[in-house]
Amino acid sequence: MNVREEVIANFMQVARDHGRSLAQLSDDLALIDTGLDSLGFAIVVTRLEQALGVDPFTANGFANFPMTLGGFIHCYEAAVQLPAS
């Protein structure tokens, strides 16, 4: 499973686990409009850290949280490709 698929799968699983309906997921969808609440996002980030071994929002001095799903996915794709320090 690639990074994009992993992110989407986690959004879908968290939504199912919490009885939430997701909007149609696309790169330009604002994260606030996905259907997940702040707890859902926290769970997604935690699960992705476990699955991918990175948290791009605490690693490498990351300063800005992305506003769209595409931006969120890009953060993980970039972090996964960084060499381990």
PDB file of N, CA and C in Angstrom:
ATOM      1  N   MET A   1       0.856  -1.171   0.000  1.00  0.00           N
ATOM      2  CA  MET A   1       0.000   0.000   0.000  1.00  0.00           C
ATOM      3  C   MET A   1       0.903   1.236   0.000  1.00  0.00           C
ATOM      4  N   ASN A   2       0.632   2.185  -0.893  1.00  0.00           N
ATOM      5  CA  ASN A   2       1.443   3.397  -0.917  1.00  0.00           C
ATOM      6  C   ASN A   2       0.929   4.403   0.111  1.00  0.00           C
ATOM      7  N   VAL A   3       1.637   5.505   0.261  1.00  0.00           N
ATOM      8  CA  VAL A   3       1.307   6.497   1.295  1.00  0.00           C
ATOM      9  C   VAL A   3      -0.096   7.044   1.096  1.00  0.00           C
ATOM     10  N   ARG A   4      -0.438   7.432  -0.124  1.00  0.00           N
ATOM     11  CA  ARG A   4      -1.777   7.972  -0.411  1.00  0.00           C
ATOM     12  C   ARG A   4      -2.857   6.972   0.008  1.00  0.00           C
ATOM     13  N   GLU A   5      -2.703   5.728  -0.392  1.00  0.00           N
ATOM     14  CA  GLU A   5      -3.688   4.699  -0.045  1.00  0.00           C
ATOM     15  C   GLU A   5      -3.789   4.515   1.456  1.00  0.00           C
ATOM     16  N   GLU A   6      -2.657   4.563   2.146  1.00  0.00           N
ATOM     17  CA  GLU A   6      -2.635   4.407   3.606  1.00  0.00           C
ATOM     18  C   GLU A   6      -3.387   5.556   4.281  1.00  0.00           C
ATOM     19  N   VAL A   7      -3.156   6.779   3.813  1.00  0.00           N
ATOM     20  CA  VAL A   7      -3.849   7.936   4.391  1.00  0.00           C
ATOM     21  C   VAL A   7      -5.354   7.809   4.177  1.00  0.00           C
ATOM     22  N   ILE A   8      -5.767   7.537   2.959  1.00  0.00           N
ATOM     23  CA  ILE A   8      -7.198   7.415   2.642  1.00  0.00           C
ATOM     24  C   ILE A   8      -7.825   6.283   3.443  1.00  0.00           C
ATOM     25  N   ALA A   9      -7.150   5.148   3.517  1.00  0.00           N
ATOM     26  CA  ALA A   9      -7.682   4.009   4.277  1.00  0.00           C
ATOM     27  C   ALA A   9      -7.872   4.377   5.748  1.00  0.00           C
ATOM     28  N   ASN A  10      -6.941   5.138   6.310  1.00  0.00           N
ATOM     29  CA  ASN A  10      -7.071   5.542   7.710  1.00  0.00           C
ATOM     30  C   ASN A  10      -8.203   6.528   7.918  1.00  0.00           C
ATOM     31  N   PHE A  11      -8.378   7.475   7.007  1.00  0.00           N
ATOM     32  CA  PHE A  11      -9.523   8.386   7.099  1.00  0.00           C
ATOM     33  C   PHE A  11     -10.825   7.583   7.094  1.00  0.00           C
ATOM     34  N   MET A  12     -10.927   6.629   6.179  1.00  0.00           N
ATOM     35  CA  MET A  12     -12.148   5.835   6.068  1.00  0.00           C
ATOM     36  C   MET A  12     -12.381   4.976   7.312  1.00  0.00           C
ATOM     37  N   GLN A  13     -11.322   4.363   7.839  1.00  0.00           N
ATOM     38  CA  GLN A  13     -11.459   3.507   9.014  1.00  0.00           C
ATOM     39  C   GLN A  13     -11.864   4.312  10.247  1.00  0.00           C
ATOM     40  N   VAL A  14     -11.240   5.457  10.449  1.00  0.00           N
ATOM     41  CA  VAL A  14     -11.586   6.299  11.602  1.00  0.00           C
ATOM     42  C   VAL A  14     -13.031   6.778  11.480  1.00  0.00           C
ATOM     43  N   ALA A  15     -13.442   7.155  10.293  1.00  0.00           N
ATOM     44  CA  ALA A  15     -14.832   7.574  10.100  1.00  0.00           C
ATOM     45  C   ALA A  15     -15.786   6.430  10.456  1.00  0.00           C
ATOM     46  N   ARG A  16     -15.494   5.227   9.991  1.00  0.00           N
ATOM     47  CA  ARG A  16     -16.330   4.057  10.327  1.00  0.00           C
ATOM     48  C   ARG A  16     -16.348   3.811  11.825  1.00  0.00           C
ATOM     49  N   ASP A  17     -15.168   3.838  12.440  1.00  0.00           N
ATOM     50  CA  ASP A  17     -15.055   3.565  13.873  1.00  0.00           C
ATOM     51  C   ASP A  17     -15.845   4.557  14.715  1.00  0.00           C
ATOM     52  N   HIS A  18     -15.996   5.777  14.215  1.00  0.00           N
ATOM     53  CA  HIS A  18     -16.652   6.837  14.985  1.00  0.00           C
ATOM     54  C   HIS A  18     -18.027   7.199  14.447  1.00  0.00           C
ATOM     55  N   GLY A  19     -18.546   6.387  13.529  1.00  0.00           N
ATOM     56  CA  GLY A  19     -19.886   6.612  12.997  1.00  0.00           C
ATOM     57  C   GLY A  19     -20.035   7.926  12.250  1.00  0.00           C
ATOM     58  N   ARG A  20     -18.956   8.359  11.593  1.00  0.00           N
ATOM     59  CA  ARG A  20     -18.965   9.627  10.858  1.00  0.00           C
ATOM     60  C   ARG A  20     -19.089   9.348   9.373  1.00  0.00           C
ATOM     61  N   SER A  21     -19.715  10.262   8.661  1.00  0.00           N
ATOM     62  CA  SER A  21     -19.792  10.188   7.205  1.00  0.00           C
ATOM     63  C   SER A  21     -18.701  11.065   6.623  1.00  0.00           C
ATOM     64  N   LEU A  22     -17.952  10.522   5.687  1.00  0.00           N
ATOM     65  CA  LEU A  22     -16.911  11.296   5.022  1.00  0.00           C
ATOM     66  C   LEU A  22     -17.464  11.924   3.754  1.00  0.00           C
ATOM     67  N   ALA A  23     -16.968  13.096   3.448  1.00  0.00           N
ATOM     68  CA  ALA A  23     -17.239  13.710   2.155  1.00  0.00           C
ATOM     69  C   ALA A  23     -16.477  12.903   1.104  1.00  0.00           C
ATOM     70  N   GLN A  24     -16.782  13.136  -0.171  1.00  0.00           N
ATOM     71  CA  GLN A  24     -16.004  12.488  -1.222  1.00  0.00           C
ATOM     72  C   GLN A  24     -14.582  13.025  -1.123  1.00  0.00           C
ATOM     73  N   LEU A  25     -13.645  12.151  -0.889  1.00  0.00           N
ATOM     74  CA  LEU A  25     -12.260  12.559  -0.649  1.00  0.00           C
ATOM     75  C   LEU A  25     -11.567  12.888  -1.962  1.00  0.00           C
ATOM     76  N   SER A  26     -11.031  14.105  -2.033  1.00  0.00           N
ATOM     77  CA  SER A  26     -10.266  14.559  -3.188  1.00  0.00           C
ATOM     78  C   SER A  26      -9.143  15.457  -2.687  1.00  0.00           C
ATOM     79  N   ASP A  27      -8.135  15.649  -3.520  1.00  0.00           N
ATOM     80  CA  ASP A  27      -6.972  16.432  -3.106  1.00  0.00           C
ATOM     81  C   ASP A  27      -7.324  17.855  -2.705  1.00  0.00           C
ATOM     82  N   ASP A  28      -8.312  18.451  -3.353  1.00  0.00           N
ATOM     83  CA  ASP A  28      -8.640  19.848  -3.057  1.00  0.00           C
ATOM     84  C   ASP A  28      -9.679  20.008  -1.945  1.00  0.00           C
ATOM     85  N   LEU A  29     -10.123  18.913  -1.352  1.00  0.00           N
ATOM     86  CA  LEU A  29     -11.089  18.975  -0.254  1.00  0.00           C
ATOM     87  C   LEU A  29     -10.434  19.567   0.992  1.00  0.00           C
ATOM     88  N   ALA A  30     -11.045  20.598   1.552  1.00  0.00           N
ATOM     89  CA  ALA A  30     -10.538  21.189   2.796  1.00  0.00           C
ATOM     90  C   ALA A  30     -10.658  20.153   3.911  1.00  0.00           C
ATOM     91  N   LEU A  31      -9.627  20.027   4.718  1.00  0.00           N
ATOM     92  CA  LEU A  31      -9.644  19.037   5.801  1.00  0.00           C
ATOM     93  C   LEU A  31     -10.839  19.245   6.729  1.00  0.00           C
ATOM     94  N   ILE A  32     -11.203  20.480   6.942  1.00  0.00           N
ATOM     95  CA  ILE A  32     -12.320  20.777   7.833  1.00  0.00           C
ATOM     96  C   ILE A  32     -13.646  20.242   7.269  1.00  0.00           C
ATOM     97  N   ASP A  33     -13.678  19.989   5.959  1.00  0.00           N
ATOM     98  CA  ASP A  33     -14.895  19.504   5.307  1.00  0.00           C
ATOM     99  C   ASP A  33     -14.911  17.999   5.080  1.00  0.00           C
ATOM    100  N   THR A  34     -13.915  17.280   5.597  1.00  0.00           N
ATOM    101  CA  THR A  34     -13.849  15.833   5.359  1.00  0.00           C
ATOM    102  C   THR A  34     -14.934  15.063   6.095  1.00  0.00           C
ATOM    103  N   GLY A  35     -15.345  15.581   7.242  1.00  0.00           N
ATOM    104  CA  GLY A  35     -16.317  14.867   8.065  1.00  0.00           C
ATOM    105  C   GLY A  35     -15.724  14.382   9.376  1.00  0.00           C
ATOM    106  N   LEU A  36     -14.400  14.471   9.516  1.00  0.00           N
ATOM    107  CA  LEU A  36     -13.767  14.085  10.775  1.00  0.00           C
ATOM    108  C   LEU A  36     -13.675  15.293  11.697  1.00  0.00           C
ATOM    109  N   ASP A  37     -13.761  15.039  12.990  1.00  0.00           N
ATOM    110  CA  ASP A  37     -13.563  16.107  13.974  1.00  0.00           C
ATOM    111  C   ASP A  37     -12.103  16.073  14.442  1.00  0.00           C
ATOM    112  N   SER A  38     -11.765  16.928  15.402  1.00  0.00           N
ATOM    113  CA  SER A  38     -10.368  17.013  15.847  1.00  0.00           C
ATOM    114  C   SER A  38      -9.873  15.699  16.452  1.00  0.00           C
ATOM    115  N   LEU A  39     -10.729  14.994  17.160  1.00  0.00           N
ATOM    116  CA  LEU A  39     -10.331  13.690  17.702  1.00  0.00           C
ATOM    117  C   LEU A  39     -10.047  12.719  16.561  1.00  0.00           C
ATOM    118  N   GLY A  40     -10.879  12.738  15.545  1.00  0.00           N
ATOM    119  CA  GLY A  40     -10.665  11.870  14.389  1.00  0.00           C
ATOM    120  C   GLY A  40      -9.329  12.147  13.723  1.00  0.00           C
ATOM    121  N   PHE A  41      -8.979  13.432  13.545  1.00  0.00           N
ATOM    122  CA  PHE A  41      -7.684  13.778  12.962  1.00  0.00           C
ATOM    123  C   PHE A  41      -6.539  13.299  13.838  1.00  0.00           C
ATOM    124  N   ALA A  42      -6.679  13.453  15.135  1.00  0.00           N
ATOM    125  CA  ALA A  42      -5.626  13.005  16.048  1.00  0.00           C
ATOM    126  C   ALA A  42      -5.425  11.498  15.929  1.00  0.00           C
ATOM    127  N   ILE A  43      -6.503  10.768  15.800  1.00  0.00           N
ATOM    128  CA  ILE A  43      -6.409   9.307  15.654  1.00  0.00           C
ATOM    129  C   ILE A  43      -5.760   8.950  14.326  1.00  0.00           C
ATOM    130  N   VAL A  44      -6.144   9.644  13.256  1.00  0.00           N
ATOM    131  CA  VAL A  44      -5.541   9.399  11.943  1.00  0.00           C
ATOM    132  C   VAL A  44      -4.028   9.624  12.016  1.00  0.00           C
ATOM    133  N   VAL A  45      -3.608  10.745  12.598  1.00  0.00           N
ATOM    134  CA  VAL A  45      -2.177  11.060  12.687  1.00  0.00           C
ATOM    135  C   VAL A  45      -1.444   9.995  13.505  1.00  0.00           C
ATOM    136  N   THR A  46      -2.042   9.553  14.598  1.00  0.00           N
ATOM    137  CA  THR A  46      -1.424   8.518  15.426  1.00  0.00           C
ATOM    138  C   THR A  46      -1.304   7.200  14.666  1.00  0.00           C
ATOM    139  N   ARG A  47      -2.363   6.815  13.982  1.00  0.00           N
ATOM    140  CA  ARG A  47      -2.327   5.560  13.224  1.00  0.00           C
ATOM    141  C   ARG A  47      -1.328   5.630  12.071  1.00  0.00           C
ATOM    142  N   LEU A  48      -1.257   6.794  11.416  1.00  0.00           N
ATOM    143  CA  LEU A  48      -0.300   6.928  10.320  1.00  0.00           C
ATOM    144  C   LEU A  48       1.137   6.894  10.834  1.00  0.00           C
ATOM    145  N   GLU A  49       1.375   7.445  12.006  1.00  0.00           N
ATOM    146  CA  GLU A  49       2.717   7.366  12.582  1.00  0.00           C
ATOM    147  C   GLU A  49       3.090   5.905  12.835  1.00  0.00           C
ATOM    148  N   GLN A  50       2.135   5.129  13.322  1.00  0.00           N
ATOM    149  CA  GLN A  50       2.397   3.704  13.564  1.00  0.00           C
ATOM    150  C   GLN A  50       2.618   2.957  12.250  1.00  0.00           C
ATOM    151  N   ALA A  51       1.803   3.249  11.245  1.00  0.00           N
ATOM    152  CA  ALA A  51       1.871   2.525   9.978  1.00  0.00           C
ATOM    153  C   ALA A  51       3.073   2.932   9.129  1.00  0.00           C
ATOM    154  N   LEU A  52       3.377   4.234   9.114  1.00  0.00           N
ATOM    155  CA  LEU A  52       4.415   4.742   8.219  1.00  0.00           C
ATOM    156  C   LEU A  52       5.728   5.054   8.924  1.00  0.00           C
ATOM    157  N   GLY A  53       5.685   5.119  10.259  1.00  0.00           N
ATOM    158  CA  GLY A  53       6.893   5.371  11.022  1.00  0.00           C
ATOM    159  C   GLY A  53       7.314   6.825  11.069  1.00  0.00           C
ATOM    160  N   VAL A  54       6.417   7.739  10.657  1.00  0.00           N
ATOM    161  CA  VAL A  54       6.744   9.168  10.688  1.00  0.00           C
ATOM    162  C   VAL A  54       5.532   9.978  11.143  1.00  0.00           C
ATOM    163  N   ASP A  55       5.841  11.111  11.753  1.00  0.00           N
ATOM    164  CA  ASP A  55       4.830  12.131  12.037  1.00  0.00           C
ATOM    165  C   ASP A  55       5.397  13.424  11.470  1.00  0.00           C
ATOM    166  N   PRO A  56       4.969  13.805  10.269  1.00  0.00           N
ATOM    167  CA  PRO A  56       5.568  14.976   9.623  1.00  0.00           C
ATOM    168  C   PRO A  56       5.288  16.291  10.348  1.00  0.00           C
ATOM    169  N   PHE A  57       4.378  16.272  11.298  1.00  0.00           N
ATOM    170  CA  PHE A  57       3.998  17.500  11.983  1.00  0.00           C
ATOM    171  C   PHE A  57       4.833  17.758  13.237  1.00  0.00           C
ATOM    172  N   THR A  58       5.637  16.794  13.636  1.00  0.00           N
ATOM    173  CA  THR A  58       6.563  17.011  14.750  1.00  0.00           C
ATOM    174  C   THR A  58       8.004  16.862  14.293  1.00  0.00           C
ATOM    175  N   ALA A  59       8.209  16.227  13.164  1.00  0.00           N
ATOM    176  CA  ALA A  59       9.561  16.011  12.646  1.00  0.00           C
ATOM    177  C   ALA A  59      10.011  17.216  11.811  1.00  0.00           C
ATOM    178  N   ASN A  60      11.280  17.474  11.825  1.00  0.00           N
ATOM    179  CA  ASN A  60      11.911  18.462  10.948  1.00  0.00           C
ATOM    180  C   ASN A  60      11.343  19.869  11.073  1.00  0.00           C
ATOM    181  N   GLY A  61      10.887  20.256  12.227  1.00  0.00           N
ATOM    182  CA  GLY A  61      10.437  21.620  12.454  1.00  0.00           C
ATOM    183  C   GLY A  61       9.244  22.038  11.626  1.00  0.00           C
ATOM    184  N   PHE A  62       8.359  21.124  11.315  1.00  0.00           N
ATOM    185  CA  PHE A  62       7.184  21.439  10.505  1.00  0.00           C
ATOM    186  C   PHE A  62       6.376  22.543  11.170  1.00  0.00           C
ATOM    187  N   ALA A  63       6.018  23.575  10.410  1.00  0.00           N
ATOM    188  CA  ALA A  63       5.384  24.740  11.011  1.00  0.00           C
ATOM    189  C   ALA A  63       3.910  24.909  10.642  1.00  0.00           C
ATOM    190  N   ASN A  64       3.514  24.518   9.457  1.00  0.00           N
ATOM    191  CA  ASN A  64       2.154  24.780   8.990  1.00  0.00           C
ATOM    192  C   ASN A  64       1.392  23.491   8.728  1.00  0.00           C
ATOM    193  N   PHE A  65       0.239  23.375   9.352  1.00  0.00           N
ATOM    194  CA  PHE A  65      -0.613  22.221   9.106  1.00  0.00           C
ATOM    195  C   PHE A  65      -1.317  22.442   7.767  1.00  0.00           C
ATOM    196  N   PRO A  66      -1.398  21.433   6.917  1.00  0.00           N
ATOM    197  CA  PRO A  66      -2.026  21.606   5.611  1.00  0.00           C
ATOM    198  C   PRO A  66      -3.526  21.892   5.732  1.00  0.00           C
ATOM    199  N   MET A  67      -4.063  22.548   4.732  1.00  0.00           N
ATOM    200  CA  MET A  67      -5.476  22.912   4.734  1.00  0.00           C
ATOM    201  C   MET A  67      -6.335  21.946   3.914  1.00  0.00           C
ATOM    202  N   THR A  68      -5.708  21.194   3.005  1.00  0.00           N
ATOM    203  CA  THR A  68      -6.461  20.291   2.129  1.00  0.00           C
ATOM    204  C   THR A  68      -5.995  18.850   2.320  1.00  0.00           C
ATOM    205  N   LEU A  69      -6.815  17.928   1.867  1.00  0.00           N
ATOM    206  CA  LEU A  69      -6.437  16.516   1.935  1.00  0.00           C
ATOM    207  C   LEU A  69      -5.185  16.259   1.104  1.00  0.00           C
ATOM    208  N   GLY A  70      -5.095  16.874  -0.068  1.00  0.00           N
ATOM    209  CA  GLY A  70      -3.905  16.707  -0.903  1.00  0.00           C
ATOM    210  C   GLY A  70      -2.653  17.192  -0.195  1.00  0.00           C
ATOM    211  N   GLY A  71      -2.745  18.314   0.498  1.00  0.00           N
ATOM    212  CA  GLY A  71      -1.615  18.832   1.257  1.00  0.00           C
ATOM    213  C   GLY A  71      -1.232  17.905   2.393  1.00  0.00           C
ATOM    214  N   PHE A  72      -2.235  17.337   3.053  1.00  0.00           N
ATOM    215  CA  PHE A  72      -2.019  16.388   4.146  1.00  0.00           C
ATOM    216  C   PHE A  72      -1.273  15.163   3.624  1.00  0.00           C
ATOM    217  N   ILE A  73      -1.740  14.634   2.504  1.00  0.00           N
ATOM    218  CA  ILE A  73      -1.091  13.466   1.903  1.00  0.00           C
ATOM    219  C   ILE A  73       0.340  13.811   1.500  1.00  0.00           C
ATOM    220  N   HIS A  74       0.529  14.970   0.904  1.00  0.00           N
ATOM    221  CA  HIS A  74       1.870  15.384   0.472  1.00  0.00           C
ATOM    222  C   HIS A  74       2.839  15.444   1.661  1.00  0.00           C
ATOM    223  N   CYS A  75       2.382  15.921   2.802  1.00  0.00           N
ATOM    224  CA  CYS A  75       3.238  15.977   3.997  1.00  0.00           C
ATOM    225  C   CYS A  75       3.765  14.590   4.345  1.00  0.00           C
ATOM    226  N   TYR A  76       2.901  13.595   4.283  1.00  0.00           N
ATOM    227  CA  TYR A  76       3.323  12.228   4.589  1.00  0.00           C
ATOM    228  C   TYR A  76       4.216  11.666   3.500  1.00  0.00           C
ATOM    229  N   GLU A  77       3.877  11.922   2.234  1.00  0.00           N
ATOM    230  CA  GLU A  77       4.722  11.425   1.142  1.00  0.00           C
ATOM    231  C   GLU A  77       6.136  11.996   1.266  1.00  0.00           C
ATOM    232  N   ALA A  78       6.247  13.280   1.565  1.00  0.00           N
ATOM    233  CA  ALA A  78       7.551  13.913   1.709  1.00  0.00           C
ATOM    234  C   ALA A  78       8.303  13.364   2.916  1.00  0.00           C
ATOM    235  N   ALA A  79       7.611  13.181   4.026  1.00  0.00           N
ATOM    236  CA  ALA A  79       8.258  12.692   5.247  1.00  0.00           C
ATOM    237  C   ALA A  79       8.738  11.257   5.105  1.00  0.00           C
ATOM    238  N   VAL A  80       7.981  10.433   4.402  1.00  0.00           N
ATOM    239  CA  VAL A  80       8.362   9.032   4.239  1.00  0.00           C
ATOM    240  C   VAL A  80       9.628   8.935   3.378  1.00  0.00           C
ATOM    241  N   GLN A  81       9.811   9.881   2.466  1.00  0.00           N
ATOM    242  CA  GLN A  81      10.967   9.842   1.583  1.00  0.00           C
ATOM    243  C   GLN A  81      12.215  10.468   2.175  1.00  0.00           C
ATOM    244  N   LEU A  82      12.095  11.143   3.314  1.00  0.00           N
ATOM    245  CA  LEU A  82      13.260  11.732   3.962  1.00  0.00           C
ATOM    246  C   LEU A  82      14.183  10.640   4.480  1.00  0.00           C
ATOM    247  N   PRO A  83      15.474  10.819   4.352  1.00  0.00           N
ATOM    248  CA  PRO A  83      16.386   9.824   4.904  1.00  0.00           C
ATOM    249  C   PRO A  83      16.309   9.822   6.431  1.00  0.00           C
ATOM    250  N   ALA A  84      16.431   8.653   7.008  1.00  0.00           N
ATOM    251  CA  ALA A  84      16.406   8.537   8.476  1.00  0.00           C
ATOM    252  C   ALA A  84      17.625   9.240   9.051  1.00  0.00           C
ATOM    253  N   SER A  85      17.420   9.932  10.183  1.00  0.00           N
ATOM    254  CA  SER A  85      18.567  10.621  10.804  1.00  0.00           C
ATOM    255  C   SER A  85      19.079   9.852  11.987  1.00  0.00           C
TER     256      SER A  85
END
